[in-house]
Amino acid sequence: MLTELLEVSTEEARAETTQSRGAYVRLGYVRDIYEMRCQARRWIVAARTYLLHLIGCTLFDNKSATYVHVVYLDVFRDLGQSGGYAW
């Protein structure tokens, strides 16, 4: 999902999930992707990244407060339908 929806390389996605020991990414990593996608004017990808960060910081935060599960990214595959969810 990282390579498809956030447009990161396979190697980068593998390195990040290996470092976090599972299907998680660091919130700092997500912020870095957001900034890069905004600079590249990739607004849809930037929106997905922003929403993933928001979910990781507020609704589905974990005890460490530094990681977010990648599975939540699938909810933002089609941003047009994301507003219909009752969080």
PDB file of N, CA and C in Angstrom:
ATOM      1  N   MET A   1       0.821  -1.198   0.000  1.00  0.00           N
ATOM      2  CA  MET A   1       0.000   0.000   0.000  1.00  0.00           C
ATOM      3  C   MET A   1       0.863   1.260   0.000  1.00  0.00           C
ATOM      4  N   LEU A   2       2.004   1.199   0.666  1.00  0.00           N
ATOM      5  CA  LEU A   2       2.885   2.373   0.692  1.00  0.00           C
ATOM      6  C   LEU A   2       3.361   2.729  -0.706  1.00  0.00           C
ATOM      7  N   THR A   3       3.741   1.724  -1.474  1.00  0.00           N
ATOM      8  CA  THR A   3       4.248   2.004  -2.819  1.00  0.00           C
ATOM      9  C   THR A   3       3.135   2.476  -3.747  1.00  0.00           C
ATOM     10  N   GLU A   4       1.971   1.901  -3.616  1.00  0.00           N
ATOM     11  CA  GLU A   4       0.857   2.248  -4.496  1.00  0.00           C
ATOM     12  C   GLU A   4       0.210   3.585  -4.135  1.00  0.00           C
ATOM     13  N   LEU A   5      -0.096   3.788  -2.865  1.00  0.00           N
ATOM     14  CA  LEU A   5      -0.893   4.950  -2.470  1.00  0.00           C
ATOM     15  C   LEU A   5      -0.066   6.163  -2.045  1.00  0.00           C
ATOM     16  N   LEU A   6       1.154   5.937  -1.560  1.00  0.00           N
ATOM     17  CA  LEU A   6       1.998   7.065  -1.163  1.00  0.00           C
ATOM     18  C   LEU A   6       3.174   7.281  -2.103  1.00  0.00           C
ATOM     19  N   GLU A   7       3.270   6.425  -3.112  1.00  0.00           N
ATOM     20  CA  GLU A   7       4.285   6.549  -4.160  1.00  0.00           C
ATOM     21  C   GLU A   7       5.707   6.576  -3.622  1.00  0.00           C
ATOM     22  N   VAL A   8       5.997   5.670  -2.690  1.00  0.00           N
ATOM     23  CA  VAL A   8       7.372   5.502  -2.230  1.00  0.00           C
ATOM     24  C   VAL A   8       7.947   4.275  -2.917  1.00  0.00           C
ATOM     25  N   SER A   9       9.264   4.185  -2.981  1.00  0.00           N
ATOM     26  CA  SER A   9       9.891   3.042  -3.641  1.00  0.00           C
ATOM     27  C   SER A   9       9.729   1.784  -2.784  1.00  0.00           C
ATOM     28  N   THR A  10       9.830   0.657  -3.422  1.00  0.00           N
ATOM     29  CA  THR A  10       9.707  -0.617  -2.725  1.00  0.00           C
ATOM     30  C   THR A  10      10.788  -0.762  -1.664  1.00  0.00           C
ATOM     31  N   GLU A  11      12.002  -0.354  -2.015  1.00  0.00           N
ATOM     32  CA  GLU A  11      13.109  -0.456  -1.072  1.00  0.00           C
ATOM     33  C   GLU A  11      12.873   0.429   0.159  1.00  0.00           C
ATOM     34  N   GLU A  12      12.377   1.632  -0.075  1.00  0.00           N
ATOM     35  CA  GLU A  12      12.112   2.560   1.025  1.00  0.00           C
ATOM     36  C   GLU A  12      11.001   2.024   1.923  1.00  0.00           C
ATOM     37  N   ALA A  13       9.945   1.487   1.332  1.00  0.00           N
ATOM     38  CA  ALA A  13       8.841   0.921   2.114  1.00  0.00           C
ATOM     39  C   ALA A  13       9.311  -0.277   2.919  1.00  0.00           C
ATOM     40  N   ARG A  14      10.120  -1.116   2.312  1.00  0.00           N
ATOM     41  CA  ARG A  14      10.639  -2.291   3.016  1.00  0.00           C
ATOM     42  C   ARG A  14      11.539  -1.876   4.178  1.00  0.00           C
ATOM     43  N   ALA A  15      12.378  -0.884   3.951  1.00  0.00           N
ATOM     44  CA  ALA A  15      13.272  -0.412   5.008  1.00  0.00           C
ATOM     45  C   ALA A  15      12.483   0.173   6.179  1.00  0.00           C
ATOM     46  N   GLU A  16      11.455   0.929   5.880  1.00  0.00           N
ATOM     47  CA  GLU A  16      10.656   1.554   6.942  1.00  0.00           C
ATOM     48  C   GLU A  16       9.893   0.519   7.755  1.00  0.00           C
ATOM     49  N   THR A  17       9.267  -0.446   7.091  1.00  0.00           N
ATOM     50  CA  THR A  17       8.508  -1.461   7.830  1.00  0.00           C
ATOM     51  C   THR A  17       9.436  -2.413   8.574  1.00  0.00           C
ATOM     52  N   THR A  18      10.637  -2.638   8.071  1.00  0.00           N
ATOM     53  CA  THR A  18      11.611  -3.457   8.790  1.00  0.00           C
ATOM     54  C   THR A  18      12.067  -2.743  10.045  1.00  0.00           C
ATOM     55  N   GLN A  19      12.303  -1.448   9.927  1.00  0.00           N
ATOM     56  CA  GLN A  19      12.738  -0.669  11.081  1.00  0.00           C
ATOM     57  C   GLN A  19      11.663  -0.637  12.168  1.00  0.00           C
ATOM     58  N   SER A  20      10.396  -0.552  11.762  1.00  0.00           N
ATOM     59  CA  SER A  20       9.322  -0.505  12.747  1.00  0.00           C
ATOM     60  C   SER A  20       8.815  -1.884  13.144  1.00  0.00           C
ATOM     61  N   ARG A  21       9.431  -2.920  12.574  1.00  0.00           N
ATOM     62  CA  ARG A  21       9.140  -4.324  12.931  1.00  0.00           C
ATOM     63  C   ARG A  21       7.688  -4.707  12.709  1.00  0.00           C
ATOM     64  N   GLY A  22       7.188  -4.410  11.549  1.00  0.00           N
ATOM     65  CA  GLY A  22       5.829  -4.802  11.215  1.00  0.00           C
ATOM     66  C   GLY A  22       5.222  -3.879  10.190  1.00  0.00           C
ATOM     67  N   ALA A  23       3.919  -3.921  10.086  1.00  0.00           N
ATOM     68  CA  ALA A  23       3.197  -3.109   9.103  1.00  0.00           C
ATOM     69  C   ALA A  23       2.890  -1.732   9.672  1.00  0.00           C
ATOM     70  N   TYR A  24       3.904  -1.110  10.237  1.00  0.00           N
ATOM     71  CA  TYR A  24       3.772   0.220  10.825  1.00  0.00           C
ATOM     72  C   TYR A  24       4.781   1.151  10.166  1.00  0.00           C
ATOM     73  N   VAL A  25       4.492   2.437  10.220  1.00  0.00           N
ATOM     74  CA  VAL A  25       5.446   3.456   9.782  1.00  0.00           C
ATOM     75  C   VAL A  25       5.525   4.528  10.862  1.00  0.00           C
ATOM     76  N   ARG A  26       6.680   5.153  10.951  1.00  0.00           N
ATOM     77  CA  ARG A  26       6.860   6.224  11.930  1.00  0.00           C
ATOM     78  C   ARG A  26       6.090   7.460  11.482  1.00  0.00           C
ATOM     79  N   LEU A  27       5.535   8.183  12.429  1.00  0.00           N
ATOM     80  CA  LEU A  27       4.799   9.405  12.099  1.00  0.00           C
ATOM     81  C   LEU A  27       5.731  10.456  11.500  1.00  0.00           C
ATOM     82  N   GLY A  28       6.974  10.489  11.929  1.00  0.00           N
ATOM     83  CA  GLY A  28       7.951  11.404  11.341  1.00  0.00           C
ATOM     84  C   GLY A  28       8.206  11.092   9.873  1.00  0.00           C
ATOM     85  N   TYR A  29       8.235   9.818   9.543  1.00  0.00           N
ATOM     86  CA  TYR A  29       8.395   9.384   8.160  1.00  0.00           C
ATOM     87  C   TYR A  29       7.200   9.835   7.318  1.00  0.00           C
ATOM     88  N   VAL A  30       6.012   9.711   7.889  1.00  0.00           N
ATOM     89  CA  VAL A  30       4.792  10.138   7.194  1.00  0.00           C
ATOM     90  C   VAL A  30       4.827  11.647   6.955  1.00  0.00           C
ATOM     91  N   ARG A  31       5.277  12.414   7.944  1.00  0.00           N
ATOM     92  CA  ARG A  31       5.393  13.872   7.777  1.00  0.00           C
ATOM     93  C   ARG A  31       6.377  14.217   6.674  1.00  0.00           C
ATOM     94  N   ASP A  32       7.489  13.489   6.603  1.00  0.00           N
ATOM     95  CA  ASP A  32       8.480  13.737   5.550  1.00  0.00           C
ATOM     96  C   ASP A  32       7.898  13.464   4.166  1.00  0.00           C
ATOM     97  N   ILE A  33       7.142  12.382   4.046  1.00  0.00           N
ATOM     98  CA  ILE A  33       6.497  12.068   2.761  1.00  0.00           C
ATOM     99  C   ILE A  33       5.512  13.178   2.397  1.00  0.00           C
ATOM    100  N   TYR A  34       4.755  13.637   3.377  1.00  0.00           N
ATOM    101  CA  TYR A  34       3.787  14.708   3.136  1.00  0.00           C
ATOM    102  C   TYR A  34       4.478  15.952   2.583  1.00  0.00           C
ATOM    103  N   GLU A  35       5.563  16.358   3.199  1.00  0.00           N
ATOM    104  CA  GLU A  35       6.277  17.549   2.743  1.00  0.00           C
ATOM    105  C   GLU A  35       6.818  17.373   1.329  1.00  0.00           C
ATOM    106  N   MET A  36       7.363  16.190   1.042  1.00  0.00           N
ATOM    107  CA  MET A  36       7.897  15.939  -0.302  1.00  0.00           C
ATOM    108  C   MET A  36       6.785  15.948  -1.353  1.00  0.00           C
ATOM    109  N   ARG A  37       5.647  15.366  -1.029  1.00  0.00           N
ATOM    110  CA  ARG A  37       4.550  15.320  -1.995  1.00  0.00           C
ATOM    111  C   ARG A  37       3.942  16.711  -2.209  1.00  0.00           C
ATOM    112  N   CYS A  38       3.927  17.532  -1.181  1.00  0.00           N
ATOM    113  CA  CYS A  38       3.449  18.910  -1.353  1.00  0.00           C
ATOM    114  C   CYS A  38       4.394  19.695  -2.244  1.00  0.00           C
ATOM    115  N   GLN A  39       5.691  19.525  -2.048  1.00  0.00           N
ATOM    116  CA  GLN A  39       6.670  20.216  -2.887  1.00  0.00           C
ATOM    117  C   GLN A  39       6.568  19.765  -4.341  1.00  0.00           C
ATOM    118  N   ALA A  40       6.244  18.494  -4.535  1.00  0.00           N
ATOM    119  CA  ALA A  40       6.102  17.954  -5.887  1.00  0.00           C
ATOM    120  C   ALA A  40       4.709  18.205  -6.474  1.00  0.00           C
ATOM    121  N   ARG A  41       3.839  18.858  -5.695  1.00  0.00           N
ATOM    122  CA  ARG A  41       2.465  19.158  -6.105  1.00  0.00           C
ATOM    123  C   ARG A  41       1.660  17.901  -6.430  1.00  0.00           C
ATOM    124  N   ARG A  42       1.887  16.861  -5.652  1.00  0.00           N
ATOM    125  CA  ARG A  42       1.125  15.620  -5.768  1.00  0.00           C
ATOM    126  C   ARG A  42       0.054  15.657  -4.695  1.00  0.00           C
ATOM    127  N   TRP A  43      -1.018  16.403  -4.949  1.00  0.00           N
ATOM    128  CA  TRP A  43      -2.002  16.751  -3.928  1.00  0.00           C
ATOM    129  C   TRP A  43      -2.808  15.572  -3.413  1.00  0.00           C
ATOM    130  N   ILE A  44      -3.163  14.643  -4.265  1.00  0.00           N
ATOM    131  CA  ILE A  44      -3.938  13.479  -3.822  1.00  0.00           C
ATOM    132  C   ILE A  44      -3.099  12.629  -2.874  1.00  0.00           C
ATOM    133  N   VAL A  45      -1.850  12.397  -3.233  1.00  0.00           N
ATOM    134  CA  VAL A  45      -0.956  11.615  -2.380  1.00  0.00           C
ATOM    135  C   VAL A  45      -0.677  12.371  -1.085  1.00  0.00           C
ATOM    136  N   ALA A  46      -0.510  13.684  -1.173  1.00  0.00           N
ATOM    137  CA  ALA A  46      -0.291  14.501   0.029  1.00  0.00           C
ATOM    138  C   ALA A  46      -1.507  14.430   0.947  1.00  0.00           C
ATOM    139  N   ALA A  47      -2.704  14.429   0.379  1.00  0.00           N
ATOM    140  CA  ALA A  47      -3.920  14.337   1.193  1.00  0.00           C
ATOM    141  C   ALA A  47      -3.995  12.988   1.902  1.00  0.00           C
ATOM    142  N   ARG A  48      -3.672  11.910   1.198  1.00  0.00           N
ATOM    143  CA  ARG A  48      -3.665  10.591   1.830  1.00  0.00           C
ATOM    144  C   ARG A  48      -2.657  10.545   2.979  1.00  0.00           C
ATOM    145  N   THR A  49      -1.501  11.114   2.727  1.00  0.00           N
ATOM    146  CA  THR A  49      -0.451  11.116   3.744  1.00  0.00           C
ATOM    147  C   THR A  49      -0.877  11.927   4.960  1.00  0.00           C
ATOM    148  N   TYR A  50      -1.465  13.075   4.720  1.00  0.00           N
ATOM    149  CA  TYR A  50      -1.937  13.928   5.816  1.00  0.00           C
ATOM    150  C   TYR A  50      -2.989  13.200   6.645  1.00  0.00           C
ATOM    151  N   LEU A  51      -3.923  12.562   5.976  1.00  0.00           N
ATOM    152  CA  LEU A  51      -4.980  11.851   6.685  1.00  0.00           C
ATOM    153  C   LEU A  51      -4.444  10.657   7.469  1.00  0.00           C
ATOM    154  N   LEU A  52      -3.463   9.960   6.909  1.00  0.00           N
ATOM    155  CA  LEU A  52      -2.836   8.859   7.636  1.00  0.00           C
ATOM    156  C   LEU A  52      -2.156   9.374   8.899  1.00  0.00           C
ATOM    157  N   HIS A  53      -1.485  10.500   8.798  1.00  0.00           N
ATOM    158  CA  HIS A  53      -0.837  11.099   9.959  1.00  0.00           C
ATOM    159  C   HIS A  53      -1.885  11.519  10.995  1.00  0.00           C
ATOM    160  N   LEU A  54      -2.959  12.109  10.529  1.00  0.00           N
ATOM    161  CA  LEU A  54      -4.032  12.541  11.427  1.00  0.00           C
ATOM    162  C   LEU A  54      -4.642  11.357  12.170  1.00  0.00           C
ATOM    163  N   ILE A  55      -4.891  10.286  11.454  1.00  0.00           N
ATOM    164  CA  ILE A  55      -5.436   9.072  12.067  1.00  0.00           C
ATOM    165  C   ILE A  55      -4.465   8.525  13.107  1.00  0.00           C
ATOM    166  N   GLY A  56      -3.176   8.517  12.770  1.00  0.00           N
ATOM    167  CA  GLY A  56      -2.170   7.976  13.682  1.00  0.00           C
ATOM    168  C   GLY A  56      -1.984   8.809  14.932  1.00  0.00           C
ATOM    169  N   CYS A  57      -2.255  10.097  14.848  1.00  0.00           N
ATOM    170  CA  CYS A  57      -2.072  10.984  16.009  1.00  0.00           C
ATOM    171  C   CYS A  57      -3.311  11.115  16.870  1.00  0.00           C
ATOM    172  N   THR A  58      -4.478  10.849  16.313  1.00  0.00           N
ATOM    173  CA  THR A  58      -5.700  11.129  17.057  1.00  0.00           C
ATOM    174  C   THR A  58      -6.556   9.891  17.286  1.00  0.00           C
ATOM    175  N   LEU A  59      -7.141   9.365  16.247  1.00  0.00           N
ATOM    176  CA  LEU A  59      -8.134   8.303  16.411  1.00  0.00           C
ATOM    177  C   LEU A  59      -7.551   6.952  16.789  1.00  0.00           C
ATOM    178  N   PHE A  60      -6.488   6.561  16.117  1.00  0.00           N
ATOM    179  CA  PHE A  60      -5.938   5.219  16.315  1.00  0.00           C
ATOM    180  C   PHE A  60      -4.489   5.276  16.764  1.00  0.00           C
ATOM    181  N   ASP A  61      -4.206   6.126  17.729  1.00  0.00           N
ATOM    182  CA  ASP A  61      -2.831   6.191  18.203  1.00  0.00           C
ATOM    183  C   ASP A  61      -2.543   4.995  19.102  1.00  0.00           C
ATOM    184  N   ASN A  62      -1.267   4.643  19.195  1.00  0.00           N
ATOM    185  CA  ASN A  62      -0.871   3.529  20.042  1.00  0.00           C
ATOM    186  C   ASN A  62      -0.083   4.047  21.235  1.00  0.00           C
ATOM    187  N   LYS A  63       0.383   3.171  22.079  1.00  0.00           N
ATOM    188  CA  LYS A  63       1.068   3.580  23.300  1.00  0.00           C
ATOM    189  C   LYS A  63       2.351   4.345  23.018  1.00  0.00           C
ATOM    190  N   SER A  64       3.022   4.002  21.951  1.00  0.00           N
ATOM    191  CA  SER A  64       4.298   4.663  21.657  1.00  0.00           C
ATOM    192  C   SER A  64       4.100   6.083  21.127  1.00  0.00           C
ATOM    193  N   ALA A  65       2.963   6.345  20.524  1.00  0.00           N
ATOM    194  CA  ALA A  65       2.646   7.646  19.915  1.00  0.00           C
ATOM    195  C   ALA A  65       3.643   8.025  18.833  1.00  0.00           C
ATOM    196  N   THR A  66       4.299   7.044  18.244  1.00  0.00           N
ATOM    197  CA  THR A  66       5.258   7.329  17.177  1.00  0.00           C
ATOM    198  C   THR A  66       5.007   6.532  15.912  1.00  0.00           C
ATOM    199  N   TYR A  67       4.096   5.570  15.940  1.00  0.00           N
ATOM    200  CA  TYR A  67       3.841   4.709  14.781  1.00  0.00           C
ATOM    201  C   TYR A  67       2.364   4.728  14.419  1.00  0.00           C
ATOM    202  N   VAL A  68       2.098   4.464  13.137  1.00  0.00           N
ATOM    203  CA  VAL A  68       0.728   4.292  12.667  1.00  0.00           C
ATOM    204  C   VAL A  68       0.705   3.041  11.792  1.00  0.00           C
ATOM    205  N   HIS A  69      -0.345   2.267  11.904  1.00  0.00           N
ATOM    206  CA  HIS A  69      -0.489   1.033  11.127  1.00  0.00           C
ATOM    207  C   HIS A  69      -0.816   1.389   9.677  1.00  0.00           C
ATOM    208  N   VAL A  70      -0.174   0.707   8.764  1.00  0.00           N
ATOM    209  CA  VAL A  70      -0.335   0.982   7.333  1.00  0.00           C
ATOM    210  C   VAL A  70      -1.719   0.586   6.830  1.00  0.00           C
ATOM    211  N   VAL A  71      -2.394  -0.315   7.500  1.00  0.00           N
ATOM    212  CA  VAL A  71      -3.693  -0.800   7.039  1.00  0.00           C
ATOM    213  C   VAL A  71      -4.717   0.334   6.917  1.00  0.00           C
ATOM    214  N   TYR A  72      -4.574   1.385   7.721  1.00  0.00           N
ATOM    215  CA  TYR A  72      -5.518   2.507   7.647  1.00  0.00           C
ATOM    216  C   TYR A  72      -5.410   3.256   6.330  1.00  0.00           C
ATOM    217  N   LEU A  73      -4.312   3.091   5.646  1.00  0.00           N
ATOM    218  CA  LEU A  73      -4.121   3.757   4.365  1.00  0.00           C
ATOM    219  C   LEU A  73      -5.121   3.269   3.321  1.00  0.00           C
ATOM    220  N   ASP A  74      -5.570   2.033   3.442  1.00  0.00           N
ATOM    221  CA  ASP A  74      -6.519   1.478   2.479  1.00  0.00           C
ATOM    222  C   ASP A  74      -7.844   2.238   2.484  1.00  0.00           C
ATOM    223  N   VAL A  75      -8.199   2.836   3.602  1.00  0.00           N
ATOM    224  CA  VAL A  75      -9.440   3.608   3.701  1.00  0.00           C
ATOM    225  C   VAL A  75      -9.383   4.831   2.783  1.00  0.00           C
ATOM    226  N   PHE A  76      -8.180   5.328   2.537  1.00  0.00           N
ATOM    227  CA  PHE A  76      -8.011   6.537   1.732  1.00  0.00           C
ATOM    228  C   PHE A  76      -7.663   6.244   0.278  1.00  0.00           C
ATOM    229  N   ARG A  77      -7.896   5.018  -0.147  1.00  0.00           N
ATOM    230  CA  ARG A  77      -7.638   4.656  -1.547  1.00  0.00           C
ATOM    231  C   ARG A  77      -8.482   5.537  -2.477  1.00  0.00           C
ATOM    232  N   ASP A  78      -9.763   5.674  -2.183  1.00  0.00           N
ATOM    233  CA  ASP A  78     -10.662   6.538  -2.946  1.00  0.00           C
ATOM    234  C   ASP A  78     -11.112   7.659  -2.012  1.00  0.00           C
ATOM    235  N   LEU A  79     -10.501   8.815  -2.135  1.00  0.00           N
ATOM    236  CA  LEU A  79     -10.783   9.911  -1.220  1.00  0.00           C
ATOM    237  C   LEU A  79     -12.218  10.420  -1.335  1.00  0.00           C
ATOM    238  N   GLY A  80     -12.858  10.195  -2.461  1.00  0.00           N
ATOM    239  CA  GLY A  80     -14.231  10.619  -2.637  1.00  0.00           C
ATOM    240  C   GLY A  80     -15.193   9.902  -1.714  1.00  0.00           C
ATOM    241  N   GLN A  81     -14.867   8.681  -1.337  1.00  0.00           N
ATOM    242  CA  GLN A  81     -15.738   7.909  -0.462  1.00  0.00           C
ATOM    243  C   GLN A  81     -15.343   7.995   1.013  1.00  0.00           C
ATOM    244  N   SER A  82     -14.206   8.573   1.303  1.00  0.00           N
ATOM    245  CA  SER A  82     -13.722   8.627   2.681  1.00  0.00           C
ATOM    246  C   SER A  82     -14.629   9.439   3.592  1.00  0.00           C
ATOM    247  N   GLY A  83     -15.312  10.417   3.060  1.00  0.00           N
ATOM    248  CA  GLY A  83     -16.198  11.233   3.875  1.00  0.00           C
ATOM    249  C   GLY A  83     -17.424  10.496   4.360  1.00  0.00           C
ATOM    250  N   GLY A  84     -17.717   9.338   3.790  1.00  0.00           N
ATOM    251  CA  GLY A  84     -18.894   8.579   4.181  1.00  0.00           C
ATOM    252  C   GLY A  84     -18.700   7.690   5.383  1.00  0.00           C
ATOM    253  N   TYR A  85     -17.469   7.594   5.877  1.00  0.00           N
ATOM    254  CA  TYR A  85     -17.207   6.731   7.036  1.00  0.00           C
ATOM    255  C   TYR A  85     -17.617   7.422   8.317  1.00  0.00           C
ATOM    256  N   ALA A  86     -18.170   6.646   9.236  1.00  0.00           N
ATOM    257  CA  ALA A  86     -18.504   7.157  10.568  1.00  0.00           C
ATOM    258  C   ALA A  86     -17.393   6.728  11.507  1.00  0.00           C
ATOM    259  N   TRP A  87     -16.422   7.579  11.691  1.00  0.00           N
ATOM    260  CA  TRP A  87     -15.266   7.241  12.511  1.00  0.00           C
ATOM    261  C   TRP A  87     -15.676   7.177  13.940  1.00  0.00           C
TER     262      TRP A  87
END
